[in-house]
Amino acid sequence: MKQLTAKEVEILLLEGKPLNLIDVREVDEVETGKIPGAIHIPLGLLEFRMHELSKAKEYIMVCRSGARSARASQFLESHGFNVINMSGGMLAWEGETK
């Protein structure tokens, strides 16, 4: 599984790179703030909403600590998606949130 640190993701965003971020945390967790532009799909709904995603795009998966996003990454990879896990999750995120 490919991984990027929270800092690496932040640098890519600051450089203006167009990233496809998917936040798999629960609703109450996302209410405390998420990375601007991230799509919120709770882990439990990912199976039912993966039709909204494109296999032609690369997605960076985000959660609180990196564990749920790793599970989400493995799940999507098994269905042919190109994904990267953001290790450390939002606990390691120092960038902007909305």
PDB file of N, CA and C in Angstrom:
ATOM      1  N   MET A   1       0.843  -1.177   0.000  1.00  0.00           N
ATOM      2  CA  MET A   1       0.000   0.000   0.000  1.00  0.00           C
ATOM      3  C   MET A   1       0.895   1.250   0.000  1.00  0.00           C
ATOM      4  N   LYS A   2       0.572   2.169  -0.898  1.00  0.00           N
ATOM      5  CA  LYS A   2       1.321   3.425  -0.957  1.00  0.00           C
ATOM      6  C   LYS A   2       0.886   4.312   0.202  1.00  0.00           C
ATOM      7  N   GLN A   3       1.847   5.084   0.727  1.00  0.00           N
ATOM      8  CA  GLN A   3       1.542   5.982   1.836  1.00  0.00           C
ATOM      9  C   GLN A   3       2.242   7.319   1.650  1.00  0.00           C
ATOM     10  N   LEU A   4       1.617   8.345   2.177  1.00  0.00           N
ATOM     11  CA  LEU A   4       2.216   9.668   2.295  1.00  0.00           C
ATOM     12  C   LEU A   4       1.992  10.119   3.727  1.00  0.00           C
ATOM     13  N   THR A   5       2.915  10.909   4.259  1.00  0.00           N
ATOM     14  CA  THR A   5       2.694  11.469   5.591  1.00  0.00           C
ATOM     15  C   THR A   5       1.761  12.665   5.463  1.00  0.00           C
ATOM     16  N   ALA A   6       1.200  13.074   6.592  1.00  0.00           N
ATOM     17  CA  ALA A   6       0.330  14.252   6.598  1.00  0.00           C
ATOM     18  C   ALA A   6       1.100  15.466   6.098  1.00  0.00           C
ATOM     19  N   LYS A   7       2.362  15.579   6.460  1.00  0.00           N
ATOM     20  CA  LYS A   7       3.194  16.714   6.038  1.00  0.00           C
ATOM     21  C   LYS A   7       3.386  16.692   4.522  1.00  0.00           C
ATOM     22  N   GLU A   8       3.625  15.515   3.958  1.00  0.00           N
ATOM     23  CA  GLU A   8       3.800  15.410   2.499  1.00  0.00           C
ATOM     24  C   GLU A   8       2.523  15.833   1.762  1.00  0.00           C
ATOM     25  N   VAL A   9       1.366  15.440   2.289  1.00  0.00           N
ATOM     26  CA  VAL A   9       0.089  15.829   1.684  1.00  0.00           C
ATOM     27  C   VAL A   9      -0.089  17.344   1.787  1.00  0.00           C
ATOM     28  N   GLU A  10       0.244  17.903   2.946  1.00  0.00           N
ATOM     29  CA  GLU A  10       0.129  19.347   3.138  1.00  0.00           C
ATOM     30  C   GLU A  10       1.015  20.103   2.139  1.00  0.00           C
ATOM     31  N   ILE A  11       2.232  19.645   1.936  1.00  0.00           N
ATOM     32  CA  ILE A  11       3.156  20.294   0.993  1.00  0.00           C
ATOM     33  C   ILE A  11       2.595  20.230  -0.428  1.00  0.00           C
ATOM     34  N   LEU A  12       2.056  19.071  -0.820  1.00  0.00           N
ATOM     35  CA  LEU A  12       1.459  18.948  -2.157  1.00  0.00           C
ATOM     36  C   LEU A  12       0.321  19.953  -2.336  1.00  0.00           C
ATOM     37  N   LEU A  13      -0.514  20.119  -1.313  1.00  0.00           N
ATOM     38  CA  LEU A  13      -1.626  21.073  -1.388  1.00  0.00           C
ATOM     39  C   LEU A  13      -1.100  22.506  -1.472  1.00  0.00           C
ATOM     40  N   LEU A  14      -0.071  22.829  -0.682  1.00  0.00           N
ATOM     41  CA  LEU A  14       0.504  24.172  -0.702  1.00  0.00           C
ATOM     42  C   LEU A  14       1.140  24.481  -2.052  1.00  0.00           C
ATOM     43  N   GLU A  15       1.626  23.442  -2.732  1.00  0.00           N
ATOM     44  CA  GLU A  15       2.213  23.616  -4.069  1.00  0.00           C
ATOM     45  C   GLU A  15       1.141  23.732  -5.141  1.00  0.00           C
ATOM     46  N   GLY A  16      -0.124  23.592  -4.735  1.00  0.00           N
ATOM     47  CA  GLY A  16      -1.225  23.730  -5.676  1.00  0.00           C
ATOM     48  C   GLY A  16      -1.542  22.478  -6.467  1.00  0.00           C
ATOM     49  N   LYS A  17      -1.035  21.341  -6.015  1.00  0.00           N
ATOM     50  CA  LYS A  17      -1.324  20.082  -6.707  1.00  0.00           C
ATOM     51  C   LYS A  17      -2.789  19.726  -6.505  1.00  0.00           C
ATOM     52  N   PRO A  18      -3.487  19.333  -7.572  1.00  0.00           N
ATOM     53  CA  PRO A  18      -4.886  18.911  -7.407  1.00  0.00           C
ATOM     54  C   PRO A  18      -4.938  17.496  -6.819  1.00  0.00           C
ATOM     55  N   LEU A  19      -5.421  17.391  -5.606  1.00  0.00           N
ATOM     56  CA  LEU A  19      -5.489  16.091  -4.920  1.00  0.00           C
ATOM     57  C   LEU A  19      -6.934  15.685  -4.718  1.00  0.00           C
ATOM     58  N   ASN A  20      -7.166  14.391  -4.776  1.00  0.00           N
ATOM     59  CA  ASN A  20      -8.487  13.825  -4.490  1.00  0.00           C
ATOM     60  C   ASN A  20      -8.420  13.175  -3.110  1.00  0.00           C
ATOM     61  N   LEU A  21      -8.870  13.907  -2.110  1.00  0.00           N
ATOM     62  CA  LEU A  21      -8.820  13.429  -0.729  1.00  0.00           C
ATOM     63  C   LEU A  21     -10.178  12.874  -0.333  1.00  0.00           C
ATOM     64  N   ILE A  22     -10.165  11.715   0.322  1.00  0.00           N
ATOM     65  CA  ILE A  22     -11.395  11.132   0.858  1.00  0.00           C
ATOM     66  C   ILE A  22     -11.208  10.925   2.350  1.00  0.00           C
ATOM     67  N   ASP A  23     -12.059  11.570   3.127  1.00  0.00           N
ATOM     68  CA  ASP A  23     -12.033  11.478   4.584  1.00  0.00           C
ATOM     69  C   ASP A  23     -13.034  10.411   5.007  1.00  0.00           C
ATOM     70  N   VAL A  24     -12.548   9.332   5.624  1.00  0.00           N
ATOM     71  CA  VAL A  24     -13.426   8.210   5.988  1.00  0.00           C
ATOM     72  C   VAL A  24     -13.843   8.219   7.463  1.00  0.00           C
ATOM     73  N   ARG A  25     -13.627   9.357   8.136  1.00  0.00           N
ATOM     74  CA  ARG A  25     -14.041   9.453   9.542  1.00  0.00           C
ATOM     75  C   ARG A  25     -15.564   9.558   9.648  1.00  0.00           C
ATOM     76  N   GLU A  26     -16.056   9.427  10.871  1.00  0.00           N
ATOM     77  CA  GLU A  26     -17.486   9.538  11.130  1.00  0.00           C
ATOM     78  C   GLU A  26     -17.908  11.012  11.098  1.00  0.00           C
ATOM     79  N   VAL A  27     -19.220  11.241  10.976  1.00  0.00           N
ATOM     80  CA  VAL A  27     -19.758  12.593  10.848  1.00  0.00           C
ATOM     81  C   VAL A  27     -19.299  13.500  11.988  1.00  0.00           C
ATOM     82  N   ASP A  28     -19.390  13.031  13.239  1.00  0.00           N
ATOM     83  CA  ASP A  28     -19.022  13.872  14.377  1.00  0.00           C
ATOM     84  C   ASP A  28     -17.537  14.231  14.360  1.00  0.00           C
ATOM     85  N   GLU A  29     -16.696  13.347  13.830  1.00  0.00           N
ATOM     86  CA  GLU A  29     -15.267  13.637  13.744  1.00  0.00           C
ATOM     87  C   GLU A  29     -14.994  14.713  12.695  1.00  0.00           C
ATOM     88  N   VAL A  30     -15.679  14.630  11.566  1.00  0.00           N
ATOM     89  CA  VAL A  30     -15.478  15.581  10.476  1.00  0.00           C
ATOM     90  C   VAL A  30     -15.970  16.969  10.873  1.00  0.00           C
ATOM     91  N   GLU A  31     -16.979  17.020  11.741  1.00  0.00           N
ATOM     92  CA  GLU A  31     -17.502  18.309  12.200  1.00  0.00           C
ATOM     93  C   GLU A  31     -16.453  19.121  12.945  1.00  0.00           C
ATOM     94  N   THR A  32     -15.434  18.462  13.488  1.00  0.00           N
ATOM     95  CA  THR A  32     -14.364  19.177  14.190  1.00  0.00           C
ATOM     96  C   THR A  32     -13.373  19.790  13.203  1.00  0.00           C
ATOM     97  N   GLY A  33     -13.514  19.474  11.927  1.00  0.00           N
ATOM     98  CA  GLY A  33     -12.662  20.047  10.893  1.00  0.00           C
ATOM     99  C   GLY A  33     -12.097  18.981   9.976  1.00  0.00           C
ATOM    100  N   LYS A  34     -12.087  19.304   8.673  1.00  0.00           N
ATOM    101  CA  LYS A  34     -11.480  18.400   7.706  1.00  0.00           C
ATOM    102  C   LYS A  34     -10.605  19.202   6.764  1.00  0.00           C
ATOM    103  N   ILE A  35      -9.789  18.517   6.006  1.00  0.00           N
ATOM    104  CA  ILE A  35      -8.914  19.180   5.048  1.00  0.00           C
ATOM    105  C   ILE A  35      -9.797  19.797   3.960  1.00  0.00           C
ATOM    106  N   PRO A  36      -9.590  21.083   3.645  1.00  0.00           N
ATOM    107  CA  PRO A  36     -10.400  21.728   2.613  1.00  0.00           C
ATOM    108  C   PRO A  36     -10.376  20.939   1.299  1.00  0.00           C
ATOM    109  N   GLY A  37     -11.552  20.726   0.737  1.00  0.00           N
ATOM    110  CA  GLY A  37     -11.654  20.006  -0.527  1.00  0.00           C
ATOM    111  C   GLY A  37     -11.808  18.505  -0.397  1.00  0.00           C
ATOM    112  N   ALA A  38     -11.626  17.977   0.810  1.00  0.00           N
ATOM    113  CA  ALA A  38     -11.766  16.531   1.009  1.00  0.00           C
ATOM    114  C   ALA A  38     -13.226  16.122   0.885  1.00  0.00           C
ATOM    115  N   ILE A  39     -13.443  14.971   0.281  1.00  0.00           N
ATOM    116  CA  ILE A  39     -14.779  14.393   0.168  1.00  0.00           C
ATOM    117  C   ILE A  39     -15.004  13.533   1.408  1.00  0.00           C
ATOM    118  N   HIS A  40     -16.160  13.675   2.049  1.00  0.00           N
ATOM    119  CA  HIS A  40     -16.444  12.873   3.239  1.00  0.00           C
ATOM    120  C   HIS A  40     -17.275  11.653   2.861  1.00  0.00           C
ATOM    121  N   ILE A  41     -16.664  10.477   3.034  1.00  0.00           N
ATOM    122  CA  ILE A  41     -17.379   9.208   2.863  1.00  0.00           C
ATOM    123  C   ILE A  41     -17.011   8.339   4.067  1.00  0.00           C
ATOM    124  N   PRO A  42     -17.889   8.242   5.077  1.00  0.00           N
ATOM    125  CA  PRO A  42     -17.570   7.410   6.241  1.00  0.00           C
ATOM    126  C   PRO A  42     -17.192   5.986   5.812  1.00  0.00           C
ATOM    127  N   LEU A  43     -16.239   5.402   6.509  1.00  0.00           N
ATOM    128  CA  LEU A  43     -15.734   4.076   6.159  1.00  0.00           C
ATOM    129  C   LEU A  43     -16.862   3.066   5.965  1.00  0.00           C
ATOM    130  N   GLY A  44     -17.865   3.099   6.834  1.00  0.00           N
ATOM    131  CA  GLY A  44     -18.976   2.152   6.750  1.00  0.00           C
ATOM    132  C   GLY A  44     -19.823   2.299   5.494  1.00  0.00           C
ATOM    133  N   LEU A  45     -19.726   3.448   4.824  1.00  0.00           N
ATOM    134  CA  LEU A  45     -20.511   3.690   3.602  1.00  0.00           C
ATOM    135  C   LEU A  45     -19.678   3.559   2.331  1.00  0.00           C
ATOM    136  N   LEU A  46     -18.379   3.360   2.485  1.00  0.00           N
ATOM    137  CA  LEU A  46     -17.484   3.339   1.322  1.00  0.00           C
ATOM    138  C   LEU A  46     -17.893   2.295   0.282  1.00  0.00           C
ATOM    139  N   GLU A  47     -18.252   1.110   0.751  1.00  0.00           N
ATOM    140  CA  GLU A  47     -18.671   0.033  -0.145  1.00  0.00           C
ATOM    141  C   GLU A  47     -19.868   0.453  -1.001  1.00  0.00           C
ATOM    142  N   PHE A  48     -20.766   1.234  -0.415  1.00  0.00           N
ATOM    143  CA  PHE A  48     -21.994   1.634  -1.097  1.00  0.00           C
ATOM    144  C   PHE A  48     -21.831   2.889  -1.940  1.00  0.00           C
ATOM    145  N   ARG A  49     -20.729   3.623  -1.715  1.00  0.00           N
ATOM    146  CA  ARG A  49     -20.528   4.877  -2.454  1.00  0.00           C
ATOM    147  C   ARG A  49     -19.333   4.835  -3.402  1.00  0.00           C
ATOM    148  N   MET A  50     -18.668   3.681  -3.508  1.00  0.00           N
ATOM    149  CA  MET A  50     -17.479   3.640  -4.367  1.00  0.00           C
ATOM    150  C   MET A  50     -17.826   3.848  -5.842  1.00  0.00           C
ATOM    151  N   HIS A  51     -19.107   3.686  -6.208  1.00  0.00           N
ATOM    152  CA  HIS A  51     -19.520   3.962  -7.588  1.00  0.00           C
ATOM    153  C   HIS A  51     -19.372   5.448  -7.928  1.00  0.00           C
ATOM    154  N   GLU A  52     -19.246   6.303  -6.887  1.00  0.00           N
ATOM    155  CA  GLU A  52     -19.058   7.739  -7.098  1.00  0.00           C
ATOM    156  C   GLU A  52     -17.610   8.074  -7.468  1.00  0.00           C
ATOM    157  N   LEU A  53     -16.712   7.104  -7.303  1.00  0.00           N
ATOM    158  CA  LEU A  53     -15.287   7.325  -7.540  1.00  0.00           C
ATOM    159  C   LEU A  53     -14.886   6.828  -8.918  1.00  0.00           C
ATOM    160  N   SER A  54     -13.778   7.355  -9.431  1.00  0.00           N
ATOM    161  CA  SER A  54     -13.284   6.974 -10.750  1.00  0.00           C
ATOM    162  C   SER A  54     -11.976   6.194 -10.621  1.00  0.00           C
ATOM    163  N   LYS A  55     -11.885   5.072 -11.311  1.00  0.00           N
ATOM    164  CA  LYS A  55     -10.646   4.289 -11.292  1.00  0.00           C
ATOM    165  C   LYS A  55      -9.530   4.986 -12.065  1.00  0.00           C
ATOM    166  N   ALA A  56      -9.870   6.049 -12.791  1.00  0.00           N
ATOM    167  CA  ALA A  56      -8.871   6.812 -13.544  1.00  0.00           C
ATOM    168  C   ALA A  56      -8.161   7.846 -12.658  1.00  0.00           C
ATOM    169  N   LYS A  57      -8.680   8.061 -11.446  1.00  0.00           N
ATOM    170  CA  LYS A  57      -8.092   9.051 -10.538  1.00  0.00           C
ATOM    171  C   LYS A  57      -7.318   8.365  -9.414  1.00  0.00           C
ATOM    172  N   GLU A  58      -6.440   9.142  -8.794  1.00  0.00           N
ATOM    173  CA  GLU A  58      -5.713   8.668  -7.611  1.00  0.00           C
ATOM    174  C   GLU A  58      -6.350   9.345  -6.394  1.00  0.00           C
ATOM    175  N   TYR A  59      -6.601   8.567  -5.348  1.00  0.00           N
ATOM    176  CA  TYR A  59      -7.238   9.082  -4.141  1.00  0.00           C
ATOM    177  C   TYR A  59      -6.312   8.947  -2.946  1.00  0.00           C
ATOM    178  N   ILE A  60      -6.341   9.967  -2.092  1.00  0.00           N
ATOM    179  CA  ILE A  60      -5.605   9.922  -0.829  1.00  0.00           C
ATOM    180  C   ILE A  60      -6.638   9.754   0.274  1.00  0.00           C
ATOM    181  N   MET A  61      -6.497   8.671   1.036  1.00  0.00           N
ATOM    182  CA  MET A  61      -7.455   8.336   2.083  1.00  0.00           C
ATOM    183  C   MET A  61      -6.996   8.924   3.418  1.00  0.00           C
ATOM    184  N   VAL A  62      -7.949   9.519   4.149  1.00  0.00           N
ATOM    185  CA  VAL A  62      -7.665  10.214   5.401  1.00  0.00           C
ATOM    186  C   VAL A  62      -8.609   9.725   6.494  1.00  0.00           C
ATOM    187  N   CYS A  63      -8.086   9.538   7.714  1.00  0.00           N
ATOM    188  CA  CYS A  63      -8.932   9.272   8.878  1.00  0.00           C
ATOM    189  C   CYS A  63      -8.299   9.950  10.089  1.00  0.00           C
ATOM    190  N   ARG A  64      -8.648   9.536  11.272  1.00  0.00           N
ATOM    191  CA  ARG A  64      -8.127  10.168  12.485  1.00  0.00           C
ATOM    192  C   ARG A  64      -6.654   9.860  12.698  1.00  0.00           C
ATOM    193  N   SER A  65      -6.287   8.562  12.619  1.00  0.00           N
ATOM    194  CA  SER A  65      -4.908   8.169  12.935  1.00  0.00           C
ATOM    195  C   SER A  65      -4.184   7.471  11.794  1.00  0.00           C
ATOM    196  N   GLY A  66      -4.915   7.057  10.773  1.00  0.00           N
ATOM    197  CA  GLY A  66      -4.303   6.335   9.654  1.00  0.00           C
ATOM    198  C   GLY A  66      -4.715   4.882   9.565  1.00  0.00           C
ATOM    199  N   ALA A  67      -5.369   4.353  10.602  1.00  0.00           N
ATOM    200  CA  ALA A  67      -5.753   2.933  10.604  1.00  0.00           C
ATOM    201  C   ALA A  67      -6.987   2.668   9.725  1.00  0.00           C
ATOM    202  N   ARG A  68      -8.040   3.467   9.923  1.00  0.00           N
ATOM    203  CA  ARG A  68      -9.245   3.272   9.098  1.00  0.00           C
ATOM    204  C   ARG A  68      -8.975   3.598   7.636  1.00  0.00           C
ATOM    205  N   SER A  69      -8.165   4.631   7.400  1.00  0.00           N
ATOM    206  CA  SER A  69      -7.857   4.978   6.009  1.00  0.00           C
ATOM    207  C   SER A  69      -7.018   3.880   5.360  1.00  0.00           C
ATOM    208  N   ALA A  70      -6.205   3.176   6.148  1.00  0.00           N
ATOM    209  CA  ALA A  70      -5.448   2.030   5.611  1.00  0.00           C
ATOM    210  C   ALA A  70      -6.409   0.918   5.211  1.00  0.00           C
ATOM    211  N   ARG A  71      -7.425   0.658   6.042  1.00  0.00           N
ATOM    212  CA  ARG A  71      -8.434  -0.357   5.692  1.00  0.00           C
ATOM    213  C   ARG A  71      -9.196   0.070   4.438  1.00  0.00           C
ATOM    214  N   ALA A  72      -9.551   1.358   4.366  1.00  0.00           N
ATOM    215  CA  ALA A  72     -10.259   1.879   3.190  1.00  0.00           C
ATOM    216  C   ALA A  72      -9.384   1.743   1.943  1.00  0.00           C
ATOM    217  N   SER A  73      -8.096   2.019   2.091  1.00  0.00           N
ATOM    218  CA  SER A  73      -7.161   1.901   0.963  1.00  0.00           C
ATOM    219  C   SER A  73      -7.092   0.466   0.470  1.00  0.00           C
ATOM    220  N   GLN A  74      -6.969  -0.471   1.403  1.00  0.00           N
ATOM    221  CA  GLN A  74      -6.908  -1.891   1.022  1.00  0.00           C
ATOM    222  C   GLN A  74      -8.197  -2.316   0.316  1.00  0.00           C
ATOM    223  N   PHE A  75      -9.330  -1.866   0.834  1.00  0.00           N
ATOM    224  CA  PHE A  75     -10.623  -2.208   0.233  1.00  0.00           C
ATOM    225  C   PHE A  75     -10.714  -1.675  -1.195  1.00  0.00           C
ATOM    226  N   LEU A  76     -10.402  -0.393  -1.378  1.00  0.00           N
ATOM    227  CA  LEU A  76     -10.496   0.201  -2.711  1.00  0.00           C
ATOM    228  C   LEU A  76      -9.475  -0.402  -3.674  1.00  0.00           C
ATOM    229  N   GLU A  77      -8.258  -0.668  -3.180  1.00  0.00           N
ATOM    230  CA  GLU A  77      -7.242  -1.318  -4.018  1.00  0.00           C
ATOM    231  C   GLU A  77      -7.746  -2.665  -4.524  1.00  0.00           C
ATOM    232  N   SER A  78      -8.434  -3.399  -3.668  1.00  0.00           N
ATOM    233  CA  SER A  78      -8.931  -4.722  -4.054  1.00  0.00           C
ATOM    234  C   SER A  78     -10.017  -4.627  -5.136  1.00  0.00           C
ATOM    235  N   HIS A  79     -10.573  -3.419  -5.317  1.00  0.00           N
ATOM    236  CA  HIS A  79     -11.577  -3.188  -6.348  1.00  0.00           C
ATOM    237  C   HIS A  79     -10.996  -2.402  -7.532  1.00  0.00           C
ATOM    238  N   GLY A  80      -9.675  -2.333  -7.606  1.00  0.00           N
ATOM    239  CA  GLY A  80      -9.018  -1.737  -8.765  1.00  0.00           C
ATOM    240  C   GLY A  80      -8.790  -0.238  -8.727  1.00  0.00           C
ATOM    241  N   PHE A  81      -8.943   0.385  -7.552  1.00  0.00           N
ATOM    242  CA  PHE A  81      -8.716   1.822  -7.441  1.00  0.00           C
ATOM    243  C   PHE A  81      -7.257   2.110  -7.094  1.00  0.00           C
ATOM    244  N   ASN A  82      -6.796   3.291  -7.505  1.00  0.00           N
ATOM    245  CA  ASN A  82      -5.437   3.754  -7.232  1.00  0.00           C
ATOM    246  C   ASN A  82      -5.506   4.653  -5.997  1.00  0.00           C
ATOM    247  N   VAL A  83      -4.996   4.163  -4.863  1.00  0.00           N
ATOM    248  CA  VAL A  83      -5.136   4.897  -3.603  1.00  0.00           C
ATOM    249  C   VAL A  83      -3.821   5.002  -2.843  1.00  0.00           C
ATOM    250  N   ILE A  84      -3.760   6.036  -2.028  1.00  0.00           N
ATOM    251  CA  ILE A  84      -2.624   6.288  -1.139  1.00  0.00           C
ATOM    252  C   ILE A  84      -3.202   6.528   0.253  1.00  0.00           C
ATOM    253  N   ASN A  85      -2.595   5.940   1.269  1.00  0.00           N
ATOM    254  CA  ASN A  85      -3.027   6.168   2.648  1.00  0.00           C
ATOM    255  C   ASN A  85      -2.229   7.331   3.231  1.00  0.00           C
ATOM    256  N   MET A  86      -2.930   8.270   3.896  1.00  0.00           N
ATOM    257  CA  MET A  86      -2.231   9.339   4.615  1.00  0.00           C
ATOM    258  C   MET A  86      -1.909   8.833   6.013  1.00  0.00           C
ATOM    259  N   SER A  87      -0.663   8.432   6.216  1.00  0.00           N
ATOM    260  CA  SER A  87      -0.260   7.887   7.507  1.00  0.00           C
ATOM    261  C   SER A  87      -0.272   8.989   8.571  1.00  0.00           C
ATOM    262  N   GLY A  88      -0.653   8.609   9.770  1.00  0.00           N
ATOM    263  CA  GLY A  88      -0.743   9.563  10.870  1.00  0.00           C
ATOM    264  C   GLY A  88      -2.092  10.241  10.969  1.00  0.00           C
ATOM    265  N   GLY A  89      -2.825  10.267   9.861  1.00  0.00           N
ATOM    266  CA  GLY A  89      -4.169  10.820   9.849  1.00  0.00           C
ATOM    267  C   GLY A  89      -4.250  12.262  10.321  1.00  0.00           C
ATOM    268  N   MET A  90      -5.448  12.650  10.736  1.00  0.00           N
ATOM    269  CA  MET A  90      -5.692  14.022  11.170  1.00  0.00           C
ATOM    270  C   MET A  90      -4.968  14.351  12.470  1.00  0.00           C
ATOM    271  N   LEU A  91      -4.570  13.340  13.232  1.00  0.00           N
ATOM    272  CA  LEU A  91      -3.781  13.603  14.441  1.00  0.00           C
ATOM    273  C   LEU A  91      -2.441  14.231  14.074  1.00  0.00           C
ATOM    274  N   ALA A  92      -1.923  13.881  12.890  1.00  0.00           N
ATOM    275  CA  ALA A  92      -0.638  14.411  12.441  1.00  0.00           C
ATOM    276  C   ALA A  92      -0.781  15.635  11.534  1.00  0.00           C
ATOM    277  N   TRP A  93      -2.015  15.985  11.186  1.00  0.00           N
ATOM    278  CA  TRP A  93      -2.255  17.091  10.258  1.00  0.00           C
ATOM    279  C   TRP A  93      -2.014  18.434  10.937  1.00  0.00           C
ATOM    280  N   GLU A  94      -1.172  19.266  10.334  1.00  0.00           N
ATOM    281  CA  GLU A  94      -0.883  20.591  10.878  1.00  0.00           C
ATOM    282  C   GLU A  94      -1.389  21.690   9.959  1.00  0.00           C
ATOM    283  N   GLY A  95      -1.949  21.307   8.810  1.00  0.00           N
ATOM    284  CA  GLY A  95      -2.414  22.295   7.840  1.00  0.00           C
ATOM    285  C   GLY A  95      -3.795  22.827   8.166  1.00  0.00           C
ATOM    286  N   GLU A  96      -4.331  23.556   7.200  1.00  0.00           N
ATOM    287  CA  GLU A  96      -5.643  24.193   7.341  1.00  0.00           C
ATOM    288  C   GLU A  96      -6.752  23.147   7.427  1.00  0.00           C
ATOM    289  N   THR A  97      -7.780  23.474   8.199  1.00  0.00           N
ATOM    290  CA  THR A  97      -8.993  22.650   8.235  1.00  0.00           C
ATOM    291  C   THR A  97     -10.195  23.573   8.102  1.00  0.00           C
ATOM    292  N   LYS A  98     -11.291  23.006   7.646  1.00  0.00           N
ATOM    293  CA  LYS A  98     -12.545  23.766   7.526  1.00  0.00           C
ATOM    294  C   LYS A  98     -13.669  22.968   8.132  1.00  0.00           C
TER     295      LYS A  98
END
